[in-house]
N, C-alpha and C. Protein backbone atom coordinates (compact mmCIF):
# COMPACT_ATOMS: atom_id res chain seq x y z
N UNK A 1 -30.74 33.63 27.36
CA UNK A 1 -29.99 34.54 28.20
C UNK A 1 -28.66 34.01 27.15
N UNK A 2 -27.71 34.74 27.10
CA UNK A 2 -26.57 34.62 26.71
C UNK A 2 -25.49 33.58 27.32
N UNK A 3 -25.10 33.25 26.70
CA UNK A 3 -23.96 31.94 27.44
C UNK A 3 -22.68 32.33 28.16
N UNK A 4 -22.06 32.66 29.08
CA UNK A 4 -20.87 32.93 29.24
C UNK A 4 -19.78 31.56 29.07
N UNK A 5 -18.86 32.56 28.19
CA UNK A 5 -17.73 31.77 27.42
C UNK A 5 -16.46 31.17 28.20
N UNK A 6 -16.51 32.21 29.58
CA UNK A 6 -15.31 31.83 30.07
C UNK A 6 -15.40 30.66 31.01
N UNK A 7 -14.24 30.11 31.71
CA UNK A 7 -14.07 28.96 32.46
C UNK A 7 -14.14 29.36 33.81
N UNK A 8 -14.90 28.24 34.74
CA UNK A 8 -14.48 29.00 36.30
C UNK A 8 -13.25 29.05 36.90
N UNK A 9 -12.85 30.22 37.55
CA UNK A 9 -11.74 30.00 37.72
C UNK A 9 -11.47 29.66 39.00
N UNK A 10 -10.83 28.50 39.08
CA UNK A 10 -10.45 27.80 40.14
C UNK A 10 -8.80 28.23 40.53
N UNK A 11 -8.07 27.86 41.46
CA UNK A 11 -7.32 28.60 42.26
C UNK A 11 -5.97 27.88 41.27
N UNK A 12 -6.09 26.96 40.72
CA UNK A 12 -5.24 26.35 39.66
C UNK A 12 -5.17 27.41 38.40
N UNK A 13 -6.19 27.73 37.82
CA UNK A 13 -6.47 28.86 36.44
C UNK A 13 -5.86 29.78 37.08
N UNK A 14 -6.31 30.52 38.33
CA UNK A 14 -5.76 32.00 38.74
C UNK A 14 -4.09 31.69 39.06
N UNK A 15 -3.82 30.73 38.96
CA UNK A 15 -2.59 30.55 39.12
C UNK A 15 -1.56 30.94 37.91
N UNK A 16 -2.54 30.32 36.83
CA UNK A 16 -1.90 30.04 35.62
C UNK A 16 -1.90 31.63 34.77
N UNK A 17 -3.17 32.19 35.22
CA UNK A 17 -3.27 33.76 34.98
C UNK A 17 -2.16 35.00 35.66
N UNK A 18 -2.06 34.21 36.75
CA UNK A 18 -0.98 35.41 37.05
C UNK A 18 0.31 34.97 37.08
N UNK A 19 0.71 33.87 36.56
CA UNK A 19 2.23 32.95 35.94
C UNK A 19 2.55 33.78 34.72
N UNK A 20 1.18 34.17 33.88
CA UNK A 20 1.34 34.81 32.43
C UNK A 20 1.09 36.24 31.97
N UNK A 21 1.34 36.95 34.06
CA UNK A 21 1.20 38.41 33.84
C UNK A 21 2.45 38.67 34.21
N UNK A 22 2.76 40.08 33.78
CA UNK A 22 4.32 40.92 34.51
C UNK A 22 3.82 40.63 36.13
N UNK A 23 5.25 40.08 36.38
CA UNK A 23 5.00 39.75 38.01
C UNK A 23 5.04 40.63 38.66
N UNK A 24 4.39 41.01 40.04
CA UNK A 24 4.66 42.00 40.76
C UNK A 24 5.96 42.60 40.36
N UNK A 25 6.59 43.71 41.20
CA UNK A 25 7.77 43.81 41.64
C UNK A 25 8.03 43.83 43.00
N UNK A 26 9.01 43.54 43.17
CA UNK A 26 9.67 43.21 44.88
C UNK A 26 8.83 44.41 45.72
N UNK A 27 8.84 45.59 45.41
CA UNK A 27 8.27 46.29 46.37
C UNK A 27 6.31 46.64 46.39
N UNK A 28 6.10 45.64 45.38
CA UNK A 28 4.45 45.40 45.20
C UNK A 28 4.52 44.20 45.84
N UNK A 29 5.20 43.14 45.87
CA UNK A 29 5.04 42.02 46.32
C UNK A 29 5.05 42.36 48.10
N UNK A 30 6.29 43.00 48.65
CA UNK A 30 6.13 43.43 50.21
C UNK A 30 5.14 43.90 50.47
N UNK A 31 4.64 44.50 49.26
CA UNK A 31 3.34 45.61 50.14
C UNK A 31 2.25 44.56 50.16
N UNK A 32 2.20 43.79 49.76
CA UNK A 32 0.58 42.75 49.24
C UNK A 32 0.91 42.08 50.85
N UNK A 33 2.46 41.55 50.90
CA UNK A 33 2.29 40.45 51.70
C UNK A 33 2.32 41.61 53.27
N UNK A 34 2.84 42.82 53.61
CA UNK A 34 3.03 43.30 54.55
C UNK A 34 1.23 43.84 54.97
N UNK A 35 0.49 44.39 53.91
CA UNK A 35 -0.82 44.68 54.21
C UNK A 35 -1.63 43.39 54.68
N UNK A 36 -1.54 42.46 53.98
CA UNK A 36 -2.16 41.10 54.97
C UNK A 36 -1.64 40.78 56.03
N UNK A 37 -0.36 41.05 56.33
CA UNK A 37 0.20 40.62 57.77
C UNK A 37 -0.33 41.80 58.89
N UNK A 38 -0.77 42.82 58.23
CA UNK A 38 -0.89 43.66 59.27
C UNK A 38 -2.19 44.24 59.50
N UNK A 39 -2.54 44.17 58.36
CA UNK A 39 -4.10 44.52 58.46
C UNK A 39 -5.10 43.49 57.85
N UNK A 40 -5.00 42.31 58.32
CA UNK A 40 -5.57 40.86 58.31
C UNK A 40 -7.18 41.20 57.75
N UNK A 41 -7.69 41.82 58.62
CA UNK A 41 -9.48 42.09 58.69
C UNK A 41 -9.84 42.93 57.65
N UNK A 42 -9.15 43.84 56.57
CA UNK A 42 -9.35 44.65 55.88
C UNK A 42 -8.78 44.70 54.59
N UNK A 43 -7.52 43.39 54.26
CA UNK A 43 -7.02 43.31 53.23
C UNK A 43 -7.37 42.80 52.18
N UNK A 44 -8.77 42.57 52.39
CA UNK A 44 -9.31 42.29 51.28
C UNK A 44 -9.70 43.78 50.09
N UNK A 45 -9.41 44.67 50.77
CA UNK A 45 -9.63 46.22 50.35
C UNK A 45 -8.69 46.59 49.09
N UNK A 46 -7.65 45.85 49.41
CA UNK A 46 -6.00 45.72 48.22
C UNK A 46 -6.47 45.32 47.12
N UNK A 47 -5.92 46.34 45.98
CA UNK A 47 -6.46 46.27 44.61
C UNK A 47 -5.41 44.17 44.49
N UNK A 48 -6.48 43.62 43.57
CA UNK A 48 -6.41 42.05 43.15
C UNK A 48 -4.86 42.12 42.50
N UNK A 49 -4.59 41.00 42.71
CA UNK A 49 -2.68 40.96 41.86
C UNK A 49 -3.02 41.09 40.33
N UNK A 50 -4.06 40.82 39.61
CA UNK A 50 -4.21 40.86 38.12
C UNK A 50 -4.41 42.07 37.81
N UNK A 51 -4.85 42.56 38.38
CA UNK A 51 -5.13 44.12 38.22
C UNK A 51 -4.06 45.21 38.41
N UNK A 52 -2.93 44.97 38.98
CA UNK A 52 -2.00 46.21 39.33
C UNK A 52 -1.00 46.07 37.96
N UNK A 53 -0.80 44.82 37.38
CA UNK A 53 -0.14 45.23 35.89
C UNK A 53 -1.02 45.60 34.75
N UNK A 54 -2.30 45.55 35.10
CA UNK A 54 -3.20 46.11 34.09
C UNK A 54 -3.43 47.47 34.11
N UNK A 55 -3.12 48.22 35.18
CA UNK A 55 -3.84 49.21 36.30
C UNK A 55 -2.22 49.95 35.39
N UNK A 56 -0.82 49.59 35.21
CA UNK A 56 0.26 50.29 34.97
C UNK A 56 0.27 49.83 33.25
N UNK A 57 -0.43 49.03 33.07
CA UNK A 57 -0.26 48.91 30.88
C UNK A 57 -1.21 49.96 30.72
N UNK A 58 -2.52 50.33 31.62
CA UNK A 58 -3.32 51.76 30.98
C UNK A 58 -2.59 52.33 30.84
N UNK A 59 -2.15 52.94 32.02
CA UNK A 59 -1.21 54.27 32.32
C UNK A 59 -0.15 54.65 30.91
N UNK A 60 0.67 53.00 30.78
CA UNK A 60 1.47 53.16 29.11
C UNK A 60 0.40 53.47 28.14
N UNK A 61 -0.93 52.56 28.20
CA UNK A 61 -1.41 52.49 26.94
C UNK A 61 -2.05 54.22 26.13
N UNK A 62 -2.59 54.45 27.43
CA UNK A 62 -2.90 55.79 27.16
C UNK A 62 -2.06 56.97 27.38
N UNK A 63 -1.11 57.01 27.70
CA UNK A 63 -0.06 57.82 27.73
C UNK A 63 -0.23 58.82 28.87
N UNK A 64 -1.01 58.40 30.08
CA UNK A 64 -1.18 59.11 31.04
C UNK A 64 -0.44 60.06 31.49
N UNK A 65 -0.38 61.18 31.72
CA UNK A 65 0.55 61.79 32.96
C UNK A 65 0.14 62.70 33.88
N UNK A 66 -1.42 62.60 33.83
CA UNK A 66 -1.98 62.81 35.14
C UNK A 66 -3.15 62.34 35.55
N UNK A 67 -3.54 61.39 36.60
CA UNK A 67 -3.71 60.72 37.21
C UNK A 67 -4.32 61.07 38.48
N UNK A 68 -5.40 60.54 38.81
CA UNK A 68 -6.60 60.76 40.34
C UNK A 68 -6.83 59.34 40.57
N UNK A 69 -6.49 59.49 41.76
CA UNK A 69 -7.03 57.73 42.03
C UNK A 69 -7.89 58.30 43.49
N UNK A 70 -9.14 57.49 43.56
CA UNK A 70 -10.25 57.82 44.46
C UNK A 70 -10.14 56.49 45.33
N UNK A 71 -9.52 56.37 46.69
CA UNK A 71 -9.42 55.68 46.97
C UNK A 71 -8.05 54.81 47.06
N UNK A 72 -7.50 55.25 47.95
CA UNK A 72 -5.64 54.55 48.19
C UNK A 72 -5.30 53.46 48.89
N UNK A 73 -6.14 53.18 50.02
CA UNK A 73 -5.93 52.22 51.49
C UNK A 73 -4.57 51.56 51.60
N UNK A 74 -3.70 51.05 50.89
CA UNK A 74 -2.48 51.02 51.29
C UNK A 74 -1.30 51.04 49.96
N UNK A 75 -2.20 51.05 49.34
CA UNK A 75 -1.10 52.32 48.27
C UNK A 75 -0.66 51.23 46.85
N UNK A 76 -1.32 50.30 46.85
CA UNK A 76 -0.74 49.24 45.62
C UNK A 76 -0.89 49.74 44.08
N UNK A 77 -2.09 49.83 44.35
CA UNK A 77 -2.58 50.05 42.70
C UNK A 77 -1.86 51.94 42.82
N UNK A 78 -1.72 52.93 43.29
CA UNK A 78 -0.57 53.82 43.12
C UNK A 78 0.72 53.66 42.94
N UNK A 79 0.98 52.81 43.47
CA UNK A 79 2.72 52.40 43.35
C UNK A 79 2.71 52.17 41.77
N UNK A 80 1.66 51.05 41.83
CA UNK A 80 1.64 50.42 40.10
C UNK A 80 1.53 51.51 38.87
N UNK A 81 0.48 52.48 39.26
CA UNK A 81 0.20 53.48 38.20
C UNK A 81 1.46 54.55 38.67
N UNK A 82 1.80 54.90 39.44
CA UNK A 82 3.02 55.79 39.39
C UNK A 82 4.68 55.20 38.74
N UNK A 83 4.69 54.16 38.82
CA UNK A 83 5.98 53.48 38.60
C UNK A 83 5.86 53.73 36.65
N UNK A 84 4.31 53.40 36.26
CA UNK A 84 4.36 53.76 34.75
C UNK A 84 4.32 54.79 33.93
N UNK A 85 4.07 55.74 35.26
CA UNK A 85 4.12 57.33 34.74
C UNK A 85 5.17 58.12 33.82
N UNK A 86 5.02 58.50 32.56
CA UNK A 86 6.27 59.00 32.18
C UNK A 86 7.11 60.49 32.95
N UNK A 87 8.15 60.61 32.49
CA UNK A 87 8.49 61.21 33.41
C UNK A 87 7.90 62.95 33.34
N UNK A 88 7.59 63.66 34.56
CA UNK A 88 7.05 64.91 34.87
C UNK A 88 5.40 64.32 35.25
N UNK A 89 5.49 62.95 35.15
CA UNK A 89 3.84 62.63 35.10
C UNK A 89 3.60 62.69 36.61
N UNK A 90 2.32 62.75 37.37
CA UNK A 90 1.44 62.94 38.89
C UNK A 90 0.62 62.11 38.94
N UNK A 91 0.29 61.56 40.06
CA UNK A 91 -1.06 60.87 40.24
C UNK A 91 -1.37 61.57 41.92
N UNK A 92 -2.49 61.99 41.88
CA UNK A 92 -2.99 62.67 43.34
C UNK A 92 -3.86 61.45 43.82
N UNK A 93 -3.17 60.96 44.74
CA UNK A 93 -4.47 59.92 45.78
C UNK A 93 -4.79 60.60 46.47
N UNK A 94 -6.12 59.90 46.49
CA UNK A 94 -7.24 60.51 47.54
C UNK A 94 -7.61 59.76 48.79
N UNK A 95 -7.83 59.83 50.00
CA UNK A 95 -7.85 58.78 50.82
C UNK A 95 -8.65 59.67 52.31
N UNK A 96 -9.43 58.95 53.29
CA UNK A 96 -9.50 59.55 54.62
C UNK A 96 -8.68 59.26 55.62
N UNK A 97 -7.65 58.06 55.38
CA UNK A 97 -7.23 57.00 56.28
C UNK A 97 -5.73 57.62 56.51
N UNK A 98 -5.28 58.25 57.14
CA UNK A 98 -3.88 58.00 57.37
C UNK A 98 -3.30 56.87 58.08
N UNK A 99 -3.92 55.92 58.94
CA UNK A 99 -3.69 54.55 59.03
C UNK A 99 -3.11 54.00 57.91
N UNK A 100 -3.92 53.62 57.40
CA UNK A 100 -3.57 53.21 56.32
C UNK A 100 -2.64 53.71 54.95
N UNK A 101 -2.97 54.68 55.07
CA UNK A 101 -2.02 55.18 54.03
C UNK A 101 -0.58 55.85 54.42
N UNK A 102 -0.44 55.67 55.55
CA UNK A 102 1.08 55.28 56.46
C UNK A 102 2.38 54.32 55.83
N UNK A 103 1.49 53.10 55.35
CA UNK A 103 2.04 52.16 54.59
C UNK A 103 2.26 52.32 53.26
N UNK A 104 1.15 53.39 52.50
CA UNK A 104 1.21 53.46 51.70
C UNK A 104 2.38 54.71 51.13
N UNK A 105 2.89 55.41 52.09
CA UNK A 105 3.70 56.14 52.01
C UNK A 105 4.90 55.79 52.28
N UNK A 106 5.34 54.46 52.60
CA UNK A 106 6.58 54.04 53.16
C UNK A 106 6.70 53.32 52.35
N UNK A 107 6.09 52.61 51.54
CA UNK A 107 5.67 52.25 49.77
C UNK A 107 6.50 52.73 49.19
N UNK A 108 5.61 53.41 48.82
CA UNK A 108 6.28 54.46 47.89
C UNK A 108 7.44 55.36 47.72
N UNK A 109 7.51 55.53 48.64
CA UNK A 109 9.01 56.00 49.19
C UNK A 109 10.64 55.23 49.15
N UNK A 110 9.79 53.83 49.50
CA UNK A 110 10.89 52.58 48.91
C UNK A 110 11.41 52.23 48.23
N UNK A 111 9.91 52.13 46.95
CA UNK A 111 10.18 52.27 45.54
C UNK A 111 10.76 53.41 44.56
N UNK A 112 10.40 54.63 45.08
CA UNK A 112 11.29 56.04 44.80
C UNK A 112 10.49 56.27 43.73
N UNK A 113 8.94 56.42 43.96
CA UNK A 113 8.04 57.08 43.17
C UNK A 113 7.61 58.17 44.31
N UNK A 114 7.97 58.18 45.09
CA UNK A 114 7.35 59.39 46.28
C UNK A 114 7.18 60.50 45.64
N UNK A 115 7.95 60.95 45.04
CA UNK A 115 7.95 62.49 44.33
C UNK A 115 6.72 62.45 43.04
N UNK A 116 6.65 61.54 42.85
CA UNK A 116 5.31 61.59 41.49
C UNK A 116 3.85 61.42 42.28
N UNK A 117 3.71 61.21 43.47
CA UNK A 117 2.45 61.05 43.97
C UNK A 117 1.74 61.93 45.19
N UNK A 118 0.78 62.66 45.17
CA UNK A 118 0.51 63.87 45.56
C UNK A 118 -0.71 62.89 46.37
N UNK A 119 -0.40 62.74 48.36
CA UNK A 119 -1.65 62.18 49.00
C UNK A 119 -2.25 63.25 49.89
N UNK A 120 -3.60 63.45 49.08
CA UNK A 120 -4.77 64.35 50.38
C UNK A 120 -5.20 63.22 50.76
N UNK A 121 -5.48 64.29 52.60
CA UNK A 121 -6.02 63.16 53.13
C UNK A 121 -7.28 64.31 53.67
N UNK A 122 -8.82 63.80 53.06
CA UNK A 122 -9.85 64.28 53.03
C UNK A 122 -11.13 63.66 52.13
N UNK A 123 -12.24 63.77 52.82
CA UNK A 123 -12.92 63.32 51.98
C UNK A 123 -12.94 63.67 50.63
N UNK A 124 -12.80 62.42 49.62
CA UNK A 124 -12.64 62.47 48.01
C UNK A 124 -13.60 63.59 47.47
N UNK A 125 -14.93 63.68 47.50
CA UNK A 125 -15.47 64.55 47.15
C UNK A 125 -15.23 65.81 47.50
N UNK A 126 -14.66 66.45 48.45
CA UNK A 126 -14.09 67.70 48.53
C UNK A 126 -12.81 67.88 47.89
N UNK A 127 -12.00 67.07 47.86
CA UNK A 127 -11.30 67.02 47.01
C UNK A 127 -10.91 67.25 45.32
N UNK A 128 -12.13 66.32 44.98
CA UNK A 128 -11.89 66.41 43.94
C UNK A 128 -13.10 67.66 43.48
N UNK A 129 -13.80 68.41 44.18
CA UNK A 129 -14.80 69.50 44.09
C UNK A 129 -13.55 70.39 44.10
N UNK A 130 -12.44 70.48 45.05
CA UNK A 130 -11.22 71.70 44.76
C UNK A 130 -10.45 71.86 43.21
N UNK A 131 -10.46 70.92 42.72
CA UNK A 131 -9.47 70.54 41.72
C UNK A 131 -10.29 71.43 40.15
N UNK A 132 -9.26 71.97 39.26
CA UNK A 132 -9.54 72.60 38.41
C UNK A 132 -10.98 72.28 37.48
N UNK A 133 -12.10 72.84 37.45
CA UNK A 133 -12.82 72.21 36.66
C UNK A 133 -13.13 72.19 35.25
N UNK A 134 -11.42 72.62 34.53
CA UNK A 134 -11.44 72.32 33.07
C UNK A 134 -11.08 70.81 32.84
N UNK A 135 -11.29 70.15 31.54
CA UNK A 135 -10.77 69.20 31.57
C UNK A 135 -8.92 68.98 31.59
N UNK A 136 -8.70 67.97 32.64
CA UNK A 136 -7.11 67.93 32.70
C UNK A 136 -6.81 66.84 33.34
N UNK A 137 -7.56 65.82 33.52
CA UNK A 137 -7.45 64.46 33.82
C UNK A 137 -7.23 63.30 32.90
N UNK A 138 -5.89 62.80 32.69
CA UNK A 138 -6.07 61.77 31.76
C UNK A 138 -6.34 60.42 31.96
N UNK A 139 -6.59 60.08 33.43
CA UNK A 139 -6.84 58.47 33.95
C UNK A 139 -7.14 58.94 35.17
N UNK A 140 -8.13 58.24 35.81
CA UNK A 140 -8.68 58.23 37.21
C UNK A 140 -9.17 56.91 37.54
N UNK A 141 -8.65 56.52 38.34
CA UNK A 141 -9.35 55.30 39.21
C UNK A 141 -10.00 55.30 40.66
N UNK A 142 -10.82 54.61 40.59
CA UNK A 142 -12.08 54.76 41.05
C UNK A 142 -12.54 53.52 42.30
N UNK A 143 -11.48 53.67 43.14
CA UNK A 143 -11.60 52.05 44.06
C UNK A 143 -12.24 52.65 45.63
N UNK A 144 -13.15 53.10 46.32
CA UNK A 144 -13.51 53.77 47.34
C UNK A 144 -14.85 53.29 47.93
N UNK A 145 -15.38 54.19 48.23
CA UNK A 145 -16.46 53.44 49.19
C UNK A 145 -18.08 53.83 48.08
N UNK A 146 -18.82 52.70 48.37
CA UNK A 146 -19.66 52.02 47.04
C UNK A 146 -20.58 53.57 46.83
N UNK A 147 -21.17 53.51 48.03
CA UNK A 147 -22.39 55.07 48.02
C UNK A 147 -22.09 55.92 47.97
N UNK A 148 -20.62 56.59 47.41
CA UNK A 148 -20.12 57.77 46.35
C UNK A 148 -20.04 57.73 45.35
N UNK A 149 -19.94 56.26 44.41
CA UNK A 149 -19.51 56.14 43.20
C UNK A 149 -20.16 56.89 42.53
N UNK A 150 -21.31 57.01 42.46
CA UNK A 150 -21.99 58.49 41.48
C UNK A 150 -21.61 59.99 41.41
N UNK A 151 -21.64 60.04 42.70
CA UNK A 151 -20.93 61.59 42.86
C UNK A 151 -19.58 61.51 42.33
N UNK A 152 -18.63 60.59 42.82
CA UNK A 152 -17.29 60.74 42.57
C UNK A 152 -17.43 60.79 40.75
N UNK A 153 -18.29 59.73 40.04
CA UNK A 153 -18.08 60.01 38.24
C UNK A 153 -18.44 61.53 38.15
N UNK A 154 -19.84 62.06 38.56
CA UNK A 154 -20.24 63.29 38.58
C UNK A 154 -19.57 64.08 38.66
N UNK A 155 -18.56 64.46 39.40
CA UNK A 155 -17.38 65.52 39.47
C UNK A 155 -15.65 65.12 38.59
N UNK A 156 -15.67 63.53 38.31
CA UNK A 156 -14.48 63.69 37.42
C UNK A 156 -14.50 63.60 35.99
N UNK A 157 -15.97 63.54 35.11
CA UNK A 157 -16.10 63.14 33.74
C UNK A 157 -16.48 64.55 33.42
N UNK A 158 -16.40 65.86 33.95
CA UNK A 158 -16.32 66.98 33.38
C UNK A 158 -14.67 67.26 33.32
N UNK A 159 -13.66 66.33 34.27
CA UNK A 159 -12.74 66.96 34.55
C UNK A 159 -11.70 66.08 33.56
N UNK A 160 -11.82 65.36 33.07
CA UNK A 160 -11.67 64.28 32.01
C UNK A 160 -11.16 64.91 30.68
N UNK A 161 -9.95 64.71 30.13
CA UNK A 161 -9.59 65.25 28.92
C UNK A 161 -9.97 64.50 27.87
N UNK A 162 -10.61 65.17 26.61
CA UNK A 162 -10.89 64.30 25.32
C UNK A 162 -10.27 62.56 25.31
N UNK A 163 -10.95 61.57 25.51
CA UNK A 163 -10.05 60.36 25.56
C UNK A 163 -9.55 60.02 26.82
N UNK A 164 -9.78 60.65 27.52
CA UNK A 164 -9.49 60.20 29.31
C UNK A 164 -10.24 59.05 29.61
N UNK A 165 -9.63 58.61 30.26
CA UNK A 165 -9.93 56.95 30.61
C UNK A 165 -10.37 57.11 32.39
N UNK A 166 -11.73 56.37 32.96
CA UNK A 166 -11.84 56.30 34.11
C UNK A 166 -12.22 54.86 34.23
N UNK A 167 -11.61 54.16 35.50
CA UNK A 167 -11.46 52.89 35.59
C UNK A 167 -12.43 52.91 37.21
N UNK A 168 -13.25 51.91 37.09
CA UNK A 168 -14.31 51.77 38.44
C UNK A 168 -13.45 50.14 38.79
N UNK A 169 -13.60 50.34 40.22
CA UNK A 169 -13.63 48.90 40.17
C UNK A 169 -14.55 48.42 41.37
N UNK A 170 -14.51 47.09 41.80
CA UNK A 170 -15.83 46.56 41.96
C UNK A 170 -17.08 46.49 41.52
N UNK A 171 -17.39 46.43 40.23
CA UNK A 171 -18.61 46.75 39.76
C UNK A 171 -19.72 45.81 39.66
N UNK A 172 -19.30 44.14 40.34
CA UNK A 172 -19.63 43.62 39.94
C UNK A 172 -20.70 43.09 41.70
N UNK A 173 -19.60 43.64 42.20
CA UNK A 173 -19.86 43.77 43.79
C UNK A 173 -19.81 41.91 44.36
N UNK A 174 -19.27 41.10 44.01
CA UNK A 174 -19.33 39.50 44.37
C UNK A 174 -20.83 39.21 43.76
N UNK A 175 -21.37 40.14 43.06
CA UNK A 175 -22.50 39.28 42.19
C UNK A 175 -23.60 39.85 43.01
N UNK A 176 -23.37 40.73 43.95
CA UNK A 176 -24.86 41.64 44.62
C UNK A 176 -25.76 42.25 43.61
N UNK A 177 -25.07 42.73 42.33
CA UNK A 177 -25.60 43.54 41.84
C UNK A 177 -27.09 42.99 40.89
N UNK A 178 -26.63 41.22 40.67
CA UNK A 178 -28.17 40.81 40.57
C UNK A 178 -28.80 40.14 41.50
N UNK A 179 -28.51 40.22 42.79
CA UNK A 179 -29.09 39.85 43.69
C UNK A 179 -30.76 40.39 44.02
N UNK A 180 -31.78 39.37 44.22
CA UNK A 180 -33.20 40.18 44.12
C UNK A 180 -33.32 41.54 45.35
N UNK A 181 -32.46 41.18 46.36
CA UNK A 181 -32.27 42.19 47.27
C UNK A 181 -31.15 42.64 47.69
N UNK A 182 -30.37 43.49 47.06
CA UNK A 182 -29.09 43.57 47.12
C UNK A 182 -28.83 44.06 48.23
N UNK A 183 -27.77 44.04 49.11
CA UNK A 183 -27.38 45.09 50.05
C UNK A 183 -26.70 46.41 49.74
N UNK A 184 -27.30 47.06 50.70
CA UNK A 184 -26.49 48.85 50.41
C UNK A 184 -25.65 49.31 49.19
N UNK A 185 -24.47 48.38 49.72
CA UNK A 185 -23.54 48.69 48.66
C UNK A 185 -23.95 47.83 47.43
N UNK A 186 -24.05 47.29 47.45
CA UNK A 186 -24.73 46.34 46.21
C UNK A 186 -25.55 47.00 45.24
N UNK A 187 -26.54 47.51 45.99
CA UNK A 187 -27.53 48.46 45.45
C UNK A 187 -26.78 49.83 44.97
N UNK A 188 -25.87 50.29 45.63
CA UNK A 188 -25.42 51.17 45.12
C UNK A 188 -24.51 51.41 43.79
N UNK A 189 -23.84 50.27 43.88
CA UNK A 189 -22.67 49.63 42.82
C UNK A 189 -23.95 49.47 41.47
N UNK A 190 -24.96 48.78 41.66
CA UNK A 190 -26.36 48.77 40.93
C UNK A 190 -26.57 50.29 39.86
N UNK A 191 -26.98 50.98 41.02
CA UNK A 191 -27.38 52.07 40.50
C UNK A 191 -26.26 52.51 39.95
N UNK A 192 -24.87 52.64 40.29
CA UNK A 192 -23.60 53.27 39.24
C UNK A 192 -23.38 52.69 38.34
N UNK A 193 -23.93 51.30 38.09
CA UNK A 193 -23.45 50.58 36.48
C UNK A 193 -24.90 51.07 35.70
N UNK A 194 -25.78 51.54 36.15
CA UNK A 194 -27.03 52.00 35.32
C UNK A 194 -26.86 53.84 35.01
N UNK A 195 -26.08 54.27 35.41
CA UNK A 195 -25.47 55.29 35.84
C UNK A 195 -24.73 55.73 34.44
N UNK A 196 -23.88 54.85 34.90
CA UNK A 196 -22.82 54.69 33.71
C UNK A 196 -23.09 54.12 32.18
N UNK A 197 -23.87 53.48 32.07
CA UNK A 197 -24.18 52.85 30.81
C UNK A 197 -25.46 53.94 30.07
N UNK A 198 -26.14 54.60 30.79
CA UNK A 198 -26.74 55.82 30.09
C UNK A 198 -26.55 56.77 30.31
N UNK A 199 -24.56 57.31 30.11
CA UNK A 199 -23.66 58.51 30.02
C UNK A 199 -23.70 58.72 29.39
N UNK A 200 -24.12 59.60 27.98
CA UNK A 200 -23.49 59.34 26.34
C UNK A 200 -22.01 60.47 26.68
N UNK A 201 -21.60 60.75 27.90
CA UNK A 201 -20.38 61.68 27.35
C UNK A 201 -18.90 60.98 27.52
N UNK A 202 -19.82 59.44 28.31
CA UNK A 202 -18.56 58.72 28.12
C UNK A 202 -18.89 57.07 26.98
N UNK A 203 -17.66 56.55 26.64
CA UNK A 203 -17.88 55.14 26.06
C UNK A 203 -17.49 54.26 27.00
N UNK A 204 -18.35 53.05 27.67
CA UNK A 204 -18.13 52.58 28.55
C UNK A 204 -17.78 50.65 28.14
N UNK A 205 -17.47 50.26 29.06
CA UNK A 205 -17.44 48.42 28.78
C UNK A 205 -17.00 48.07 30.08
N UNK A 206 -17.66 47.14 30.35
CA UNK A 206 -17.89 46.27 31.61
C UNK A 206 -16.93 44.80 31.36
N UNK A 207 -16.21 44.76 32.24
CA UNK A 207 -15.01 43.21 31.90
C UNK A 207 -15.80 42.34 33.35
N UNK A 208 -15.27 41.09 33.61
CA UNK A 208 -15.23 40.39 34.46
C UNK A 208 -13.50 40.22 34.85
N UNK A 209 -12.91 40.98 35.11
CA UNK A 209 -11.40 40.74 35.87
C UNK A 209 -11.81 41.32 37.41
N UNK A 210 -11.47 40.33 38.39
CA UNK A 210 -11.52 40.23 39.83
C UNK A 210 -13.08 40.76 40.40
N UNK A 211 -13.23 41.38 40.57
CA UNK A 211 -14.92 41.64 41.23
C UNK A 211 -15.10 43.07 40.12
N UNK A 212 -14.70 42.52 39.09
CA UNK A 212 -15.29 43.28 37.79
C UNK A 212 -14.86 45.01 37.48
N UNK A 213 -14.56 45.24 36.40
CA UNK A 213 -14.19 46.79 36.14
C UNK A 213 -15.17 46.73 35.25
N UNK A 214 -15.05 48.36 35.41
CA UNK A 214 -15.61 49.18 34.17
C UNK A 214 -14.40 50.33 33.61
N UNK A 215 -14.41 50.09 32.28
CA UNK A 215 -13.23 51.14 31.55
C UNK A 215 -14.27 52.06 30.76
N UNK A 216 -14.09 53.30 31.11
CA UNK A 216 -14.92 54.12 30.31
C UNK A 216 -14.32 55.65 29.85
N UNK A 217 -14.30 55.62 28.29
CA UNK A 217 -13.35 56.67 27.85
C UNK A 217 -14.07 57.80 27.28
N UNK A 218 -13.56 59.20 27.82
CA UNK A 218 -14.32 60.16 27.31
C UNK A 218 -14.47 60.33 26.00
N UNK A 219 -15.78 60.77 25.41
CA UNK A 219 -15.93 60.74 24.01
C UNK A 219 -15.85 62.57 23.52
N UNK A 220 -15.01 62.83 22.70
CA UNK A 220 -15.07 64.26 22.08
C UNK A 220 -13.80 64.64 22.71
């Protein structure tokens, strides 16, 4: 078995990583704090802090102008990506919760990016299927119900422009993907990972950032 070369991520080491990343903006930090104060039981759903500058970096790196986010929660990842969009760029955020996305709307308005984000409250599969079928998406971020990761992928891939990037979160699912008997969501993520690895339309890599990220680029 290959040897894992990474160190164990202790609290001190994690703090060191965050200290050497671009800091959260005041608006991003305020949204993190508000989410944990107002929604402590589900705050774990929020994008990990080290992923926030990474998502913004990927938007700038790819030159993305049209982004689709599947799963918005309180809006931290959308805020980060919207801030990184070039002039005229657009982000479509998909979620089913009016309650959670109310925090997002306020945060986006406070950060001055609300005009770049269109929030669609509906089952994400319905919203994806209503989008134009031709390739038009530059970057997509999947961070929603794990049981639908494969259907989300299948709706997104044909709509990605050549070279377009899909980023999928929680692909390690706290290690449940290698459990002898994974839970339902762990099993769904494991199925998704197998599906992605076999998809010749995309070139993909899995990395051990936070709870695992897969980055996949549309080939051709």
